Amino acid sequence: MSVHLQREIERLRKQVLAEAAMVEEALEKALRAVKDRNAALALEVIEGDRAIDAAEIEVEEECLKILALYTPVARDLRFIVTVLKMNNDLERMGDIVVSIARRADFLARHETVPPMPPDFDIMVQGVCQMVRKSLDALINGDDELALKICQYDDQVDELKRKIAGELRDRIAEDPANLRVLLKMVDLTRHLERIADLATNIAEDVVYLVRGEIVRHAVPEN
């Protein structure tokens, strides 16, 4: 039974990594659609969400099948629990990426759109790195990298507060662009939420490797 269980776990690992790759690619496309004001690319992201939803269902069904057939224990059980949580976070991340794509589509259809504050590009780069590194931590079982991701989340939160504050100041100065500026505020909020979900995944990697729950306090290295 152990050989069969390990085969099923390896299959599950590949499934969740494939789902994660789909989410990461969708995020990169959505942000490119924002930057390039590309409505067609935004629509591609929105339509692609069905594939992410289908992958999420497949991963969950595989987890439940393994639990029912093999009653795993110790690290194997911890892996299944971790994948179930990550699977949910990845699906939610995919939904937020769709929201970003919808804002990108809205902005692309407006003739004049004011530039985002300079720190927005820094926030985008930071969030994309958090997502990418959280998945690297999962692939490599790297709990040290996972802890670094958790610590970076505070910097993203601070960037979000700064950028959103600047955009709200612009709203007061330029109420004629209210709708556009509010969509830009939404983008910062969605990026912050994606960073939160990447942090969740990193915390789950720590749990998988160490068996420690670090949701409310990141331990010292």
N, C-alpha and C. Protein backbone atom coordinates (compact mmCIF):
# COMPACT_ATOMS: atom_id res chain seq x y z
N MET A 1 0.82 -1.20 0.00
CA MET A 1 0.00 0.00 0.00
C MET A 1 0.86 1.26 0.00
N SER A 2 2.03 1.20 0.66
CA SER A 2 2.90 2.36 0.75
C SER A 2 3.35 2.83 -0.63
N VAL A 3 3.69 1.88 -1.51
CA VAL A 3 4.13 2.22 -2.86
C VAL A 3 3.01 2.91 -3.62
N HIS A 4 1.80 2.38 -3.50
CA HIS A 4 0.65 2.98 -4.18
C HIS A 4 0.37 4.38 -3.63
N LEU A 5 0.48 4.53 -2.33
CA LEU A 5 0.24 5.83 -1.71
C LEU A 5 1.24 6.86 -2.21
N GLN A 6 2.51 6.48 -2.24
CA GLN A 6 3.53 7.42 -2.70
C GLN A 6 3.33 7.80 -4.17
N ARG A 7 2.84 6.84 -4.94
CA ARG A 7 2.55 7.14 -6.35
C ARG A 7 1.42 8.16 -6.46
N GLU A 8 0.40 7.98 -5.64
CA GLU A 8 -0.73 8.92 -5.65
C GLU A 8 -0.30 10.31 -5.16
N ILE A 9 0.54 10.34 -4.15
CA ILE A 9 1.02 11.63 -3.62
C ILE A 9 1.86 12.36 -4.66
N GLU A 10 2.69 11.63 -5.38
CA GLU A 10 3.49 12.26 -6.43
C GLU A 10 2.60 12.81 -7.54
N ARG A 11 1.57 12.07 -7.86
CA ARG A 11 0.61 12.56 -8.87
C ARG A 11 -0.08 13.83 -8.38
N LEU A 12 -0.45 13.84 -7.12
CA LEU A 12 -1.09 15.02 -6.53
C LEU A 12 -0.14 16.21 -6.54
N ARG A 13 1.11 15.97 -6.22
CA ARG A 13 2.11 17.05 -6.23
C ARG A 13 2.18 17.70 -7.61
N LYS A 14 2.20 16.87 -8.65
CA LYS A 14 2.26 17.40 -10.02
C LYS A 14 1.00 18.19 -10.36
N GLN A 15 -0.14 17.73 -9.88
CA GLN A 15 -1.40 18.42 -10.16
C GLN A 15 -1.42 19.80 -9.54
N VAL A 16 -1.03 19.90 -8.27
CA VAL A 16 -1.10 21.19 -7.60
C VAL A 16 -0.04 22.15 -8.16
N LEU A 17 1.10 21.63 -8.56
CA LEU A 17 2.12 22.49 -9.18
C LEU A 17 1.66 23.00 -10.54
N ALA A 18 0.95 22.15 -11.29
CA ALA A 18 0.41 22.59 -12.58
C ALA A 18 -0.64 23.68 -12.37
N GLU A 19 -1.48 23.51 -11.36
CA GLU A 19 -2.47 24.54 -11.04
C GLU A 19 -1.77 25.85 -10.66
N ALA A 20 -0.74 25.74 -9.84
CA ALA A 20 0.00 26.93 -9.41
C ALA A 20 0.63 27.64 -10.60
N ALA A 21 1.16 26.89 -11.54
CA ALA A 21 1.77 27.49 -12.73
C ALA A 21 0.72 28.25 -13.55
N MET A 22 -0.48 27.70 -13.63
CA MET A 22 -1.56 28.37 -14.35
C MET A 22 -1.91 29.70 -13.70
N VAL A 23 -1.97 29.71 -12.37
CA VAL A 23 -2.30 30.94 -11.65
C VAL A 23 -1.20 31.98 -11.83
N GLU A 24 0.05 31.55 -11.74
CA GLU A 24 1.17 32.48 -11.89
C GLU A 24 1.17 33.09 -13.29
N GLU A 25 0.93 32.27 -14.30
CA GLU A 25 0.89 32.77 -15.67
C GLU A 25 -0.26 33.76 -15.86
N ALA A 26 -1.42 33.46 -15.28
CA ALA A 26 -2.57 34.36 -15.38
C ALA A 26 -2.28 35.70 -14.72
N LEU A 27 -1.60 35.66 -13.56
CA LEU A 27 -1.25 36.90 -12.87
C LEU A 27 -0.33 37.76 -13.74
N GLU A 28 0.68 37.14 -14.32
CA GLU A 28 1.62 37.89 -15.16
C GLU A 28 0.91 38.51 -16.36
N LYS A 29 -0.02 37.77 -16.97
CA LYS A 29 -0.77 38.29 -18.11
C LYS A 29 -1.68 39.45 -17.69
N ALA A 30 -2.35 39.30 -16.56
CA ALA A 30 -3.26 40.35 -16.09
C ALA A 30 -2.51 41.64 -15.82
N LEU A 31 -1.33 41.53 -15.20
CA LEU A 31 -0.54 42.72 -14.90
C LEU A 31 0.04 43.33 -16.18
N ARG A 32 0.37 42.48 -17.14
CA ARG A 32 0.82 43.01 -18.42
C ARG A 32 -0.32 43.74 -19.14
N ALA A 33 -1.53 43.21 -18.99
CA ALA A 33 -2.71 43.86 -19.59
C ALA A 33 -2.94 45.23 -18.97
N VAL A 34 -2.68 45.35 -17.65
CA VAL A 34 -2.79 46.64 -16.99
C VAL A 34 -1.75 47.60 -17.54
N LYS A 35 -0.52 47.15 -17.60
CA LYS A 35 0.58 48.02 -18.03
C LYS A 35 0.43 48.46 -19.47
N ASP A 36 0.04 47.51 -20.36
CA ASP A 36 -0.02 47.80 -21.80
C ASP A 36 -1.41 48.27 -22.24
N ARG A 37 -2.35 48.31 -21.29
CA ARG A 37 -3.74 48.66 -21.59
C ARG A 37 -4.24 47.78 -22.74
N ASN A 38 -4.13 46.47 -22.51
CA ASN A 38 -4.43 45.47 -23.53
C ASN A 38 -5.73 44.75 -23.16
N ALA A 39 -6.84 45.17 -23.76
CA ALA A 39 -8.14 44.59 -23.43
C ALA A 39 -8.23 43.13 -23.87
N ALA A 40 -7.62 42.78 -25.00
CA ALA A 40 -7.67 41.41 -25.50
C ALA A 40 -6.96 40.45 -24.54
N LEU A 41 -5.84 40.87 -24.02
CA LEU A 41 -5.10 40.03 -23.07
C LEU A 41 -5.89 39.90 -21.76
N ALA A 42 -6.53 40.98 -21.34
CA ALA A 42 -7.36 40.92 -20.13
C ALA A 42 -8.48 39.91 -20.31
N LEU A 43 -9.12 39.92 -21.49
CA LEU A 43 -10.21 38.97 -21.75
C LEU A 43 -9.69 37.54 -21.76
N GLU A 44 -8.49 37.33 -22.26
CA GLU A 44 -7.89 35.99 -22.27
C GLU A 44 -7.72 35.47 -20.83
N VAL A 45 -7.32 36.34 -19.93
CA VAL A 45 -7.17 35.96 -18.53
C VAL A 45 -8.52 35.59 -17.93
N ILE A 46 -9.52 36.41 -18.20
CA ILE A 46 -10.86 36.17 -17.65
C ILE A 46 -11.41 34.83 -18.13
N GLU A 47 -11.27 34.57 -19.40
CA GLU A 47 -11.78 33.31 -19.95
C GLU A 47 -10.98 32.10 -19.46
N GLY A 48 -9.70 32.30 -19.16
CA GLY A 48 -8.86 31.21 -18.71
C GLY A 48 -9.13 30.76 -17.28
N ASP A 49 -9.93 31.53 -16.56
CA ASP A 49 -10.20 31.18 -15.17
C ASP A 49 -10.95 29.86 -15.04
N ARG A 50 -11.70 29.48 -16.07
CA ARG A 50 -12.43 28.20 -16.01
C ARG A 50 -11.47 27.02 -15.87
N ALA A 51 -10.32 27.12 -16.51
CA ALA A 51 -9.34 26.04 -16.41
C ALA A 51 -8.76 25.94 -15.01
N ILE A 52 -8.56 27.10 -14.37
CA ILE A 52 -8.06 27.10 -12.99
C ILE A 52 -9.10 26.50 -12.05
N ASP A 53 -10.37 26.87 -12.25
CA ASP A 53 -11.44 26.31 -11.43
C ASP A 53 -11.51 24.79 -11.58
N ALA A 54 -11.36 24.31 -12.81
CA ALA A 54 -11.41 22.86 -13.04
C ALA A 54 -10.23 22.17 -12.37
N ALA A 55 -9.05 22.79 -12.42
CA ALA A 55 -7.87 22.21 -11.78
C ALA A 55 -8.07 22.15 -10.27
N GLU A 56 -8.68 23.19 -9.69
CA GLU A 56 -8.93 23.21 -8.25
C GLU A 56 -9.83 22.05 -7.82
N ILE A 57 -10.85 21.78 -8.62
CA ILE A 57 -11.76 20.68 -8.31
C ILE A 57 -11.03 19.34 -8.40
N GLU A 58 -10.21 19.18 -9.43
CA GLU A 58 -9.47 17.93 -9.60
C GLU A 58 -8.53 17.66 -8.43
N VAL A 59 -7.83 18.70 -7.98
CA VAL A 59 -6.91 18.55 -6.85
C VAL A 59 -7.66 18.18 -5.59
N GLU A 60 -8.78 18.84 -5.34
CA GLU A 60 -9.56 18.52 -4.14
C GLU A 60 -10.07 17.09 -4.18
N GLU A 61 -10.58 16.67 -5.32
CA GLU A 61 -11.08 15.30 -5.45
C GLU A 61 -9.96 14.28 -5.24
N GLU A 62 -8.77 14.59 -5.74
CA GLU A 62 -7.63 13.68 -5.57
C GLU A 62 -7.24 13.58 -4.09
N CYS A 63 -7.25 14.72 -3.39
CA CYS A 63 -6.95 14.71 -1.95
C CYS A 63 -7.94 13.84 -1.19
N LEU A 64 -9.21 14.02 -1.48
CA LEU A 64 -10.25 13.26 -0.77
C LEU A 64 -10.15 11.77 -1.09
N LYS A 65 -9.80 11.45 -2.33
CA LYS A 65 -9.64 10.05 -2.71
C LYS A 65 -8.50 9.40 -1.92
N ILE A 66 -7.37 10.10 -1.82
CA ILE A 66 -6.23 9.55 -1.09
C ILE A 66 -6.57 9.36 0.38
N LEU A 67 -7.24 10.35 0.96
CA LEU A 67 -7.64 10.23 2.37
C LEU A 67 -8.56 9.04 2.59
N ALA A 68 -9.48 8.80 1.66
CA ALA A 68 -10.45 7.72 1.81
C ALA A 68 -9.82 6.34 1.59
N LEU A 69 -8.91 6.25 0.64
CA LEU A 69 -8.37 4.94 0.26
C LEU A 69 -7.18 4.51 1.10
N TYR A 70 -6.37 5.47 1.56
CA TYR A 70 -5.09 5.10 2.16
C TYR A 70 -4.93 5.53 3.63
N THR A 71 -5.85 6.36 4.14
CA THR A 71 -5.74 6.90 5.50
C THR A 71 -4.28 7.23 5.86
N PRO A 72 -3.67 8.17 5.16
CA PRO A 72 -2.24 8.50 5.40
C PRO A 72 -2.03 9.06 6.80
N VAL A 73 -0.80 8.92 7.28
CA VAL A 73 -0.43 9.44 8.60
C VAL A 73 0.88 10.22 8.49
N ALA A 74 1.22 10.89 9.59
CA ALA A 74 2.50 11.61 9.70
C ALA A 74 2.70 12.59 8.55
N ARG A 75 3.86 12.59 7.92
CA ARG A 75 4.19 13.57 6.89
C ARG A 75 3.26 13.47 5.69
N ASP A 76 2.85 12.25 5.34
CA ASP A 76 1.94 12.09 4.20
C ASP A 76 0.61 12.79 4.47
N LEU A 77 0.10 12.62 5.68
CA LEU A 77 -1.15 13.30 6.04
C LEU A 77 -0.96 14.81 6.04
N ARG A 78 0.18 15.25 6.54
CA ARG A 78 0.47 16.68 6.57
C ARG A 78 0.52 17.24 5.16
N PHE A 79 1.06 16.46 4.23
CA PHE A 79 1.12 16.91 2.85
C PHE A 79 -0.28 17.07 2.26
N ILE A 80 -1.16 16.12 2.52
CA ILE A 80 -2.52 16.20 1.99
C ILE A 80 -3.24 17.41 2.56
N VAL A 81 -3.12 17.62 3.86
CA VAL A 81 -3.76 18.78 4.50
C VAL A 81 -3.22 20.08 3.91
N THR A 82 -1.91 20.13 3.71
CA THR A 82 -1.28 21.33 3.14
C THR A 82 -1.79 21.59 1.73
N VAL A 83 -1.88 20.56 0.92
CA VAL A 83 -2.35 20.73 -0.46
C VAL A 83 -3.80 21.20 -0.49
N LEU A 84 -4.63 20.67 0.40
CA LEU A 84 -6.02 21.13 0.46
C LEU A 84 -6.11 22.62 0.73
N LYS A 85 -5.29 23.10 1.66
CA LYS A 85 -5.29 24.53 1.99
C LYS A 85 -4.72 25.36 0.84
N MET A 86 -3.60 24.91 0.29
CA MET A 86 -3.00 25.63 -0.83
C MET A 86 -3.93 25.68 -2.03
N ASN A 87 -4.61 24.59 -2.28
CA ASN A 87 -5.54 24.50 -3.40
C ASN A 87 -6.60 25.58 -3.30
N ASN A 88 -7.13 25.76 -2.11
CA ASN A 88 -8.13 26.81 -1.89
C ASN A 88 -7.53 28.19 -2.13
N ASP A 89 -6.31 28.41 -1.62
CA ASP A 89 -5.67 29.71 -1.79
C ASP A 89 -5.36 29.99 -3.26
N LEU A 90 -4.95 28.98 -4.00
CA LEU A 90 -4.66 29.17 -5.41
C LEU A 90 -5.92 29.53 -6.20
N GLU A 91 -7.02 28.88 -5.86
CA GLU A 91 -8.28 29.19 -6.56
C GLU A 91 -8.72 30.61 -6.26
N ARG A 92 -8.59 31.02 -5.00
CA ARG A 92 -8.93 32.40 -4.62
C ARG A 92 -8.01 33.39 -5.31
N MET A 93 -6.73 33.03 -5.41
CA MET A 93 -5.78 33.90 -6.12
C MET A 93 -6.21 34.05 -7.58
N GLY A 94 -6.63 32.96 -8.19
CA GLY A 94 -7.11 33.02 -9.56
C GLY A 94 -8.30 33.95 -9.71
N ASP A 95 -9.22 33.92 -8.74
CA ASP A 95 -10.38 34.82 -8.79
C ASP A 95 -9.95 36.28 -8.70
N ILE A 96 -8.96 36.56 -7.86
CA ILE A 96 -8.48 37.94 -7.72
C ILE A 96 -7.77 38.38 -8.99
N VAL A 97 -7.05 37.47 -9.62
CA VAL A 97 -6.40 37.78 -10.90
C VAL A 97 -7.45 38.18 -11.93
N VAL A 98 -8.58 37.49 -11.93
CA VAL A 98 -9.67 37.86 -12.84
C VAL A 98 -10.16 39.28 -12.54
N SER A 99 -10.25 39.63 -11.26
CA SER A 99 -10.65 40.99 -10.89
C SER A 99 -9.64 42.02 -11.41
N ILE A 100 -8.36 41.69 -11.34
CA ILE A 100 -7.33 42.58 -11.90
C ILE A 100 -7.53 42.72 -13.40
N ALA A 101 -7.81 41.60 -14.07
CA ALA A 101 -8.01 41.63 -15.52
C ALA A 101 -9.23 42.47 -15.88
N ARG A 102 -10.27 42.42 -15.08
CA ARG A 102 -11.46 43.24 -15.35
C ARG A 102 -11.13 44.72 -15.22
N ARG A 103 -10.31 45.08 -14.24
CA ARG A 103 -9.88 46.48 -14.11
C ARG A 103 -9.00 46.87 -15.29
N ALA A 104 -8.15 45.93 -15.73
CA ALA A 104 -7.31 46.21 -16.89
C ALA A 104 -8.16 46.47 -18.13
N ASP A 105 -9.20 45.68 -18.29
CA ASP A 105 -10.11 45.86 -19.43
C ASP A 105 -10.79 47.23 -19.35
N PHE A 106 -11.25 47.60 -18.16
CA PHE A 106 -11.90 48.90 -17.97
C PHE A 106 -10.95 50.03 -18.34
N LEU A 107 -9.72 49.98 -17.84
CA LEU A 107 -8.76 51.04 -18.10
C LEU A 107 -8.36 51.10 -19.58
N ALA A 108 -8.28 49.91 -20.21
CA ALA A 108 -7.89 49.87 -21.62
C ALA A 108 -8.92 50.54 -22.52
N ARG A 109 -10.16 50.58 -22.07
CA ARG A 109 -11.23 51.13 -22.89
C ARG A 109 -11.45 52.63 -22.66
N HIS A 110 -10.60 53.24 -21.82
CA HIS A 110 -10.66 54.68 -21.61
C HIS A 110 -9.52 55.37 -22.36
N GLU A 111 -9.84 56.47 -23.02
CA GLU A 111 -8.84 57.15 -23.84
C GLU A 111 -7.71 57.75 -23.00
N THR A 112 -8.07 58.37 -21.91
CA THR A 112 -7.05 59.01 -21.06
C THR A 112 -7.05 58.38 -19.67
N VAL A 113 -5.92 57.83 -19.30
CA VAL A 113 -5.77 57.22 -17.99
C VAL A 113 -4.51 57.80 -17.35
N PRO A 114 -4.64 58.42 -16.18
CA PRO A 114 -3.45 58.99 -15.53
C PRO A 114 -2.48 57.88 -15.14
N PRO A 115 -1.20 58.19 -15.07
CA PRO A 115 -0.22 57.16 -14.70
C PRO A 115 -0.39 56.72 -13.25
N MET A 116 -0.04 55.47 -13.00
CA MET A 116 -0.04 54.98 -11.63
C MET A 116 1.11 55.64 -10.88
N PRO A 117 1.00 55.76 -9.54
CA PRO A 117 2.13 56.27 -8.76
C PRO A 117 3.38 55.42 -9.00
N PRO A 118 4.56 56.03 -8.91
CA PRO A 118 5.81 55.30 -9.21
C PRO A 118 5.98 54.01 -8.42
N ASP A 119 5.51 53.99 -7.17
CA ASP A 119 5.70 52.80 -6.34
C ASP A 119 4.86 51.61 -6.78
N PHE A 120 3.93 51.83 -7.70
CA PHE A 120 3.08 50.72 -8.14
C PHE A 120 3.91 49.63 -8.81
N ASP A 121 4.87 50.02 -9.65
CA ASP A 121 5.72 49.01 -10.31
C ASP A 121 6.52 48.22 -9.28
N ILE A 122 6.96 48.89 -8.23
CA ILE A 122 7.69 48.20 -7.16
C ILE A 122 6.79 47.19 -6.47
N MET A 123 5.54 47.59 -6.23
CA MET A 123 4.58 46.69 -5.60
C MET A 123 4.30 45.48 -6.50
N VAL A 124 4.14 45.72 -7.79
CA VAL A 124 3.89 44.63 -8.73
C VAL A 124 5.04 43.64 -8.71
N GLN A 125 6.27 44.15 -8.79
CA GLN A 125 7.43 43.27 -8.78
C GLN A 125 7.52 42.47 -7.48
N GLY A 126 7.23 43.13 -6.36
CA GLY A 126 7.30 42.45 -5.08
C GLY A 126 6.27 41.35 -4.95
N VAL A 127 5.05 41.63 -5.38
CA VAL A 127 3.99 40.62 -5.29
C VAL A 127 4.29 39.44 -6.21
N CYS A 128 4.73 39.73 -7.44
CA CYS A 128 5.06 38.63 -8.36
C CYS A 128 6.19 37.76 -7.81
N GLN A 129 7.17 38.39 -7.16
CA GLN A 129 8.24 37.62 -6.55
C GLN A 129 7.73 36.77 -5.39
N MET A 130 6.81 37.32 -4.61
CA MET A 130 6.24 36.54 -3.51
C MET A 130 5.53 35.30 -4.03
N VAL A 131 4.75 35.47 -5.09
CA VAL A 131 4.03 34.33 -5.67
C VAL A 131 5.02 33.31 -6.20
N ARG A 132 6.00 33.79 -6.97
CA ARG A 132 6.97 32.87 -7.59
C ARG A 132 7.79 32.14 -6.53
N LYS A 133 8.24 32.87 -5.52
CA LYS A 133 9.08 32.24 -4.50
C LYS A 133 8.29 31.32 -3.58
N SER A 134 7.02 31.63 -3.35
CA SER A 134 6.22 30.73 -2.53
C SER A 134 6.06 29.38 -3.23
N LEU A 135 5.95 29.42 -4.56
CA LEU A 135 5.84 28.17 -5.32
C LEU A 135 7.19 27.45 -5.38
N ASP A 136 8.28 28.23 -5.48
CA ASP A 136 9.61 27.62 -5.42
C ASP A 136 9.82 26.93 -4.07
N ALA A 137 9.35 27.59 -3.00
CA ALA A 137 9.48 27.00 -1.66
C ALA A 137 8.72 25.70 -1.57
N LEU A 138 7.54 25.67 -2.21
CA LEU A 138 6.76 24.43 -2.21
C LEU A 138 7.47 23.33 -2.98
N ILE A 139 7.95 23.65 -4.17
CA ILE A 139 8.61 22.65 -5.01
C ILE A 139 9.83 22.05 -4.30
N ASN A 140 10.60 22.92 -3.64
CA ASN A 140 11.88 22.48 -3.05
C ASN A 140 11.78 22.15 -1.56
N GLY A 141 10.58 22.31 -0.98
CA GLY A 141 10.45 22.09 0.46
C GLY A 141 11.35 23.01 1.25
N ASP A 142 11.44 24.27 0.83
CA ASP A 142 12.39 25.24 1.40
C ASP A 142 11.68 26.11 2.44
N ASP A 143 11.76 25.70 3.69
CA ASP A 143 11.08 26.45 4.75
C ASP A 143 11.76 27.78 5.04
N GLU A 144 13.07 27.88 4.83
CA GLU A 144 13.78 29.14 5.05
C GLU A 144 13.30 30.21 4.06
N LEU A 145 13.18 29.83 2.80
CA LEU A 145 12.65 30.75 1.79
C LEU A 145 11.22 31.13 2.13
N ALA A 146 10.44 30.17 2.58
CA ALA A 146 9.04 30.44 2.93
C ALA A 146 8.94 31.48 4.03
N LEU A 147 9.80 31.40 5.03
CA LEU A 147 9.79 32.38 6.12
C LEU A 147 10.14 33.78 5.63
N LYS A 148 11.06 33.87 4.67
CA LYS A 148 11.42 35.18 4.12
C LYS A 148 10.23 35.81 3.39
N ILE A 149 9.45 34.99 2.72
CA ILE A 149 8.26 35.49 2.03
C ILE A 149 7.27 36.06 3.03
N CYS A 150 7.08 35.36 4.14
CA CYS A 150 6.16 35.83 5.18
C CYS A 150 6.58 37.20 5.69
N GLN A 151 7.87 37.40 5.83
CA GLN A 151 8.37 38.66 6.37
C GLN A 151 8.22 39.81 5.37
N TYR A 152 8.22 39.50 4.07
CA TYR A 152 8.12 40.54 3.05
C TYR A 152 6.70 41.10 2.93
N ASP A 153 5.73 40.38 3.45
CA ASP A 153 4.33 40.80 3.30
C ASP A 153 4.09 42.19 3.90
N ASP A 154 4.76 42.51 4.99
CA ASP A 154 4.58 43.82 5.63
C ASP A 154 5.00 44.95 4.68
N GLN A 155 6.05 44.72 3.90
CA GLN A 155 6.50 45.75 2.96
C GLN A 155 5.46 46.01 1.86
N VAL A 156 4.82 44.92 1.42
CA VAL A 156 3.76 45.07 0.42
C VAL A 156 2.58 45.84 1.01
N ASP A 157 2.24 45.55 2.24
CA ASP A 157 1.15 46.27 2.91
C ASP A 157 1.45 47.76 2.98
N GLU A 158 2.70 48.10 3.28
CA GLU A 158 3.08 49.51 3.39
C GLU A 158 3.02 50.19 2.02
N LEU A 159 3.47 49.51 0.98
CA LEU A 159 3.38 50.07 -0.37
C LEU A 159 1.93 50.30 -0.76
N LYS A 160 1.07 49.36 -0.40
CA LYS A 160 -0.35 49.52 -0.74
C LYS A 160 -0.92 50.75 -0.07
N ARG A 161 -0.61 50.94 1.21
CA ARG A 161 -1.14 52.10 1.93
C ARG A 161 -0.65 53.41 1.29
N LYS A 162 0.62 53.44 0.92
CA LYS A 162 1.20 54.65 0.32
C LYS A 162 0.57 54.96 -1.03
N ILE A 163 0.46 53.94 -1.89
CA ILE A 163 -0.08 54.14 -3.24
C ILE A 163 -1.56 54.52 -3.17
N ALA A 164 -2.32 53.80 -2.35
CA ALA A 164 -3.75 54.10 -2.23
C ALA A 164 -3.97 55.51 -1.70
N GLY A 165 -3.11 55.93 -0.77
CA GLY A 165 -3.21 57.28 -0.24
C GLY A 165 -2.98 58.33 -1.33
N GLU A 166 -1.97 58.10 -2.16
CA GLU A 166 -1.68 59.03 -3.25
C GLU A 166 -2.85 59.09 -4.24
N LEU A 167 -3.44 57.94 -4.53
CA LEU A 167 -4.56 57.92 -5.47
C LEU A 167 -5.79 58.62 -4.89
N ARG A 168 -6.00 58.48 -3.59
CA ARG A 168 -7.14 59.17 -2.97
C ARG A 168 -6.91 60.69 -3.00
N ASP A 169 -5.67 61.11 -2.85
CA ASP A 169 -5.37 62.55 -2.97
C ASP A 169 -5.70 63.04 -4.38
N ARG A 170 -5.39 62.22 -5.36
CA ARG A 170 -5.69 62.60 -6.74
C ARG A 170 -7.20 62.71 -6.96
N ILE A 171 -7.96 61.82 -6.33
CA ILE A 171 -9.42 61.87 -6.46
C ILE A 171 -9.95 63.21 -5.96
N ALA A 172 -9.40 63.67 -4.85
CA ALA A 172 -9.83 64.96 -4.30
C ALA A 172 -9.47 66.11 -5.24
N GLU A 173 -8.34 65.97 -5.93
CA GLU A 173 -7.88 67.03 -6.84
C GLU A 173 -8.53 66.94 -8.22
N ASP A 174 -8.93 65.73 -8.62
CA ASP A 174 -9.44 65.52 -9.98
C ASP A 174 -10.68 64.63 -9.95
N PRO A 175 -11.80 65.10 -9.39
CA PRO A 175 -13.00 64.26 -9.27
C PRO A 175 -13.57 63.81 -10.61
N ALA A 176 -13.22 64.50 -11.69
CA ALA A 176 -13.71 64.09 -13.01
C ALA A 176 -13.21 62.70 -13.39
N ASN A 177 -12.06 62.31 -12.83
CA ASN A 177 -11.49 60.98 -13.12
C ASN A 177 -11.78 59.98 -12.00
N LEU A 178 -12.87 60.21 -11.28
CA LEU A 178 -13.19 59.40 -10.11
C LEU A 178 -13.21 57.90 -10.43
N ARG A 179 -13.96 57.50 -11.45
CA ARG A 179 -14.12 56.07 -11.74
C ARG A 179 -12.79 55.42 -12.09
N VAL A 180 -12.00 56.09 -12.91
CA VAL A 180 -10.70 55.54 -13.30
C VAL A 180 -9.79 55.40 -12.08
N LEU A 181 -9.74 56.44 -11.28
CA LEU A 181 -8.86 56.41 -10.10
C LEU A 181 -9.30 55.36 -9.09
N LEU A 182 -10.60 55.15 -8.96
CA LEU A 182 -11.08 54.11 -8.04
C LEU A 182 -10.68 52.72 -8.54
N LYS A 183 -10.71 52.51 -9.86
CA LYS A 183 -10.25 51.23 -10.40
C LYS A 183 -8.77 51.02 -10.10
N MET A 184 -8.00 52.09 -10.13
CA MET A 184 -6.58 52.00 -9.82
C MET A 184 -6.36 51.68 -8.35
N VAL A 185 -7.20 52.25 -7.47
CA VAL A 185 -7.15 51.88 -6.04
C VAL A 185 -7.46 50.40 -5.88
N ASP A 186 -8.46 49.92 -6.64
CA ASP A 186 -8.80 48.50 -6.59
C ASP A 186 -7.60 47.62 -6.93
N LEU A 187 -6.81 48.04 -7.91
CA LEU A 187 -5.64 47.24 -8.30
C LEU A 187 -4.68 47.06 -7.13
N THR A 188 -4.45 48.12 -6.36
CA THR A 188 -3.55 47.99 -5.22
C THR A 188 -4.13 47.05 -4.17
N ARG A 189 -5.44 47.13 -3.99
CA ARG A 189 -6.09 46.26 -3.00
C ARG A 189 -5.99 44.80 -3.42
N HIS A 190 -6.21 44.55 -4.71
CA HIS A 190 -6.14 43.16 -5.20
C HIS A 190 -4.72 42.61 -5.10
N LEU A 191 -3.74 43.45 -5.41
CA LEU A 191 -2.36 43.00 -5.29
C LEU A 191 -2.00 42.65 -3.85
N GLU A 192 -2.46 43.47 -2.92
CA GLU A 192 -2.19 43.18 -1.51
C GLU A 192 -2.81 41.85 -1.12
N ARG A 193 -4.00 41.57 -1.62
CA ARG A 193 -4.66 40.31 -1.27
C ARG A 193 -3.90 39.11 -1.86
N ILE A 194 -3.38 39.27 -3.06
CA ILE A 194 -2.58 38.20 -3.64
C ILE A 194 -1.32 37.95 -2.80
N ALA A 195 -0.72 39.03 -2.32
CA ALA A 195 0.44 38.89 -1.44
C ALA A 195 0.06 38.13 -0.17
N ASP A 196 -1.13 38.41 0.37
CA ASP A 196 -1.61 37.68 1.56
C ASP A 196 -1.74 36.20 1.27
N LEU A 197 -2.26 35.86 0.10
CA LEU A 197 -2.44 34.45 -0.25
C LEU A 197 -1.11 33.76 -0.50
N ALA A 198 -0.16 34.49 -1.10
CA ALA A 198 1.20 33.93 -1.26
C ALA A 198 1.82 33.66 0.10
N THR A 199 1.54 34.56 1.06
CA THR A 199 2.03 34.35 2.43
C THR A 199 1.39 33.12 3.04
N ASN A 200 0.10 32.92 2.79
CA ASN A 200 -0.57 31.71 3.28
C ASN A 200 0.12 30.45 2.76
N ILE A 201 0.45 30.46 1.47
CA ILE A 201 1.11 29.30 0.87
C ILE A 201 2.48 29.09 1.52
N ALA A 202 3.21 30.18 1.74
CA ALA A 202 4.53 30.06 2.38
C ALA A 202 4.40 29.50 3.80
N GLU A 203 3.39 29.96 4.53
CA GLU A 203 3.16 29.44 5.88
C GLU A 203 2.83 27.95 5.84
N ASP A 204 2.11 27.53 4.81
CA ASP A 204 1.78 26.12 4.68
C ASP A 204 3.03 25.28 4.36
N VAL A 205 3.97 25.87 3.63
CA VAL A 205 5.24 25.18 3.37
C VAL A 205 5.99 24.96 4.68
N VAL A 206 5.99 25.97 5.54
CA VAL A 206 6.64 25.81 6.85
C VAL A 206 5.97 24.69 7.63
N TYR A 207 4.65 24.66 7.59
CA TYR A 207 3.92 23.58 8.29
C TYR A 207 4.28 22.22 7.71
N LEU A 208 4.36 22.15 6.39
CA LEU A 208 4.68 20.88 5.75
C LEU A 208 6.06 20.38 6.15
N VAL A 209 7.04 21.28 6.16
CA VAL A 209 8.43 20.88 6.43
C VAL A 209 8.69 20.68 7.91
N ARG A 210 8.19 21.61 8.74
CA ARG A 210 8.52 21.60 10.17
C ARG A 210 7.42 21.04 11.06
N GLY A 211 6.21 20.98 10.53
CA GLY A 211 5.09 20.60 11.37
C GLY A 211 4.70 21.70 12.33
N GLU A 212 5.09 22.96 12.03
CA GLU A 212 4.79 24.11 12.89
C GLU A 212 3.78 25.02 12.21
N ILE A 213 2.80 25.50 12.96
CA ILE A 213 1.83 26.47 12.46
C ILE A 213 2.34 27.86 12.78
N VAL A 214 2.56 28.67 11.74
CA VAL A 214 3.15 30.00 11.94
C VAL A 214 2.23 31.09 11.39
N ARG A 215 0.95 30.84 11.37
CA ARG A 215 0.01 31.82 10.81
C ARG A 215 0.04 33.15 11.53
N HIS A 216 0.17 33.14 12.85
CA HIS A 216 0.01 34.36 13.61
C HIS A 216 1.32 34.95 14.12
N ALA A 217 2.39 34.22 13.95
CA ALA A 217 3.69 34.74 14.36
C ALA A 217 4.78 33.98 13.66
N VAL A 218 5.55 34.68 12.83
CA VAL A 218 6.63 34.02 12.11
C VAL A 218 7.80 33.82 13.06
N PRO A 219 8.23 32.58 13.27
CA PRO A 219 9.34 32.32 14.20
C PRO A 219 10.65 32.85 13.67
N GLU A 220 11.60 33.07 14.58
CA GLU A 220 12.95 33.48 14.17
C GLU A 220 13.65 32.33 13.48
N ASN A 221 14.46 32.66 12.47
CA ASN A 221 15.23 31.61 11.77
C ASN A 221 16.30 31.06 12.70
